[in-house]
Amino acid sequence: MSDCVFCGIVAGGIPATVVHRDELAVAFHDISPSTPVHVLVVPVRHIGGIAEVVEGDAPVVGHLLAVAASVARGLGLEDNGYRVVVNQGRDGGQSEGHLHLHVLGGRKMRWPPG
């Protein structure tokens, strides 16, 4: 989608600090991190959000979770832990209309978040 920032990053037209790229997913550092480590994991194929996921997307969504875990390991977050978050819609905190997982770590997380 021509107006989607994450599609631009996936296509290489928008610069990003990429930590993972394969045929299904791209992971890159968030430009406005909310934690010391904040990486976004996005599908290569545009999916607007978690609400648009259908049963046929299960392999892609499962792969996104596997990439999130791999990225967290690679960034040294495994021992102390990390959070993986998916926001949906404006009230849910989704800032870009492309499905993305936030890998958050590098500090102790609060619960509930906020």
Protein backbone atom coordinates (compact mmCIF):
# COMPACT_ATOMS: atom_id res chain seq x y z
CA MET A 1 0.00 0.00 0.00
CA SER A 2 1.53 3.26 -1.14
CA ASP A 3 0.60 5.28 1.97
CA CYS A 4 1.68 2.65 4.52
CA VAL A 5 4.91 3.52 6.36
CA PHE A 6 5.62 -0.12 7.23
CA CYS A 7 5.12 -1.22 3.62
CA GLY A 8 7.66 1.46 2.70
CA ILE A 9 10.12 0.03 5.22
CA VAL A 10 9.50 -3.53 3.97
CA ALA A 11 10.12 -2.38 0.38
CA GLY A 12 13.31 -0.56 1.40
CA GLY A 13 12.05 2.88 0.40
CA ILE A 14 11.97 4.15 3.99
CA PRO A 15 15.15 3.69 6.04
CA ALA A 16 15.07 1.60 9.19
CA THR A 17 17.51 -0.26 11.41
CA VAL A 18 16.52 -3.78 10.38
CA VAL A 19 17.43 -6.67 12.69
CA HIS A 20 15.63 -9.43 10.77
CA ARG A 21 14.34 -9.89 7.23
CA ASP A 22 12.94 -12.96 5.50
CA GLU A 23 10.22 -13.77 2.98
CA LEU A 24 7.40 -13.35 5.54
CA ALA A 25 8.57 -10.78 8.10
CA VAL A 26 10.76 -7.77 8.76
CA ALA A 27 11.87 -6.63 12.23
CA PHE A 28 13.34 -3.20 12.91
CA HIS A 29 14.03 -0.82 15.78
CA ASP A 30 11.18 1.59 16.57
CA ILE A 31 12.16 5.22 15.84
CA SER A 32 10.33 6.35 18.99
CA PRO A 33 11.09 3.62 21.55
CA SER A 34 9.02 3.35 24.72
CA THR A 35 11.53 0.99 26.38
CA PRO A 36 15.33 0.63 26.09
CA VAL A 37 14.76 -2.14 23.53
CA HIS A 38 11.76 -1.62 21.23
CA VAL A 39 11.62 -3.60 18.00
CA LEU A 40 8.66 -3.89 15.64
CA VAL A 41 7.97 -7.13 13.78
CA VAL A 42 5.77 -6.73 10.69
CA PRO A 43 4.51 -9.09 8.01
CA VAL A 44 5.90 -8.46 4.53
CA ARG A 45 2.37 -8.73 3.13
CA HIS A 46 0.15 -5.85 4.21
CA ILE A 47 -2.38 -6.87 6.86
CA GLY A 48 -4.13 -3.85 8.37
CA GLY A 49 -4.24 -5.15 11.94
CA ILE A 50 -5.00 -8.16 14.09
CA ALA A 51 -8.72 -7.67 13.40
CA GLU A 52 -8.05 -8.39 9.71
CA VAL A 53 -6.28 -11.69 10.37
CA VAL A 54 -8.13 -14.70 8.95
CA GLU A 55 -7.50 -18.41 9.42
CA GLY A 56 -5.32 -18.53 6.30
CA ASP A 57 -2.96 -16.02 7.93
CA ALA A 58 -2.11 -18.40 10.79
CA PRO A 59 1.28 -19.41 9.32
CA VAL A 60 2.30 -15.76 8.93
CA VAL A 61 1.11 -14.76 12.41
CA GLY A 62 2.85 -17.77 13.95
CA HIS A 63 6.01 -16.80 12.09
CA LEU A 64 5.78 -13.24 13.45
CA LEU A 65 5.76 -14.67 16.99
CA ALA A 66 8.74 -16.90 16.21
CA VAL A 67 10.63 -13.91 14.79
CA ALA A 68 9.76 -11.86 17.89
CA ALA A 69 11.24 -14.59 20.11
CA SER A 70 14.34 -14.90 17.92
CA VAL A 71 14.90 -11.14 17.89
CA ALA A 72 14.48 -11.00 21.68
CA ARG A 73 17.09 -13.76 22.08
CA GLY A 74 19.43 -11.98 19.70
CA LEU A 75 19.12 -8.74 21.65
CA GLY A 76 19.82 -10.44 24.98
CA LEU A 77 16.32 -10.12 26.42
CA GLU A 78 15.70 -13.80 27.11
CA ASP A 79 17.23 -14.01 30.61
CA ASN A 80 15.38 -11.09 32.20
CA GLY A 81 12.27 -11.28 30.05
CA TYR A 82 10.42 -9.06 27.63
CA ARG A 83 6.91 -8.22 26.46
CA VAL A 84 5.32 -8.79 23.05
CA VAL A 85 2.34 -6.50 22.35
CA VAL A 86 -0.16 -6.21 19.50
CA ASN A 87 -2.38 -3.13 19.46
CA GLN A 88 -5.61 -2.98 17.45
CA GLY A 89 -7.38 0.18 16.39
CA ARG A 90 -7.15 3.75 17.63
CA ASP A 91 -8.48 3.03 21.12
CA GLY A 92 -6.18 0.02 21.36
CA GLY A 93 -3.14 2.17 20.67
CA GLN A 94 -2.45 1.09 17.08
CA SER A 95 -0.49 3.95 15.50
CA GLU A 96 0.08 2.45 12.02
CA GLY A 97 -2.46 0.61 9.90
CA HIS A 98 -0.23 -2.41 9.32
CA LEU A 99 -0.17 -5.36 11.71
CA HIS A 100 2.90 -5.19 13.93
CA LEU A 101 4.21 -6.78 17.09
CA HIS A 102 6.16 -4.71 19.60
CA VAL A 103 9.07 -6.51 21.28
CA LEU A 104 9.69 -4.49 24.44
CA GLY A 105 12.48 -5.03 26.94
CA GLY A 106 15.54 -3.76 28.68
CA ARG A 107 13.73 -2.79 31.88
CA LYS A 108 11.24 -4.25 34.34
CA MET A 109 7.69 -4.04 32.97
CA ARG A 110 4.72 -2.90 35.04
CA TRP A 111 1.36 -4.62 35.11
CA PRO A 112 -1.04 -3.34 34.26
CA PRO A 113 0.82 -1.38 31.60
CA GLY A 114 0.45 2.35 31.49
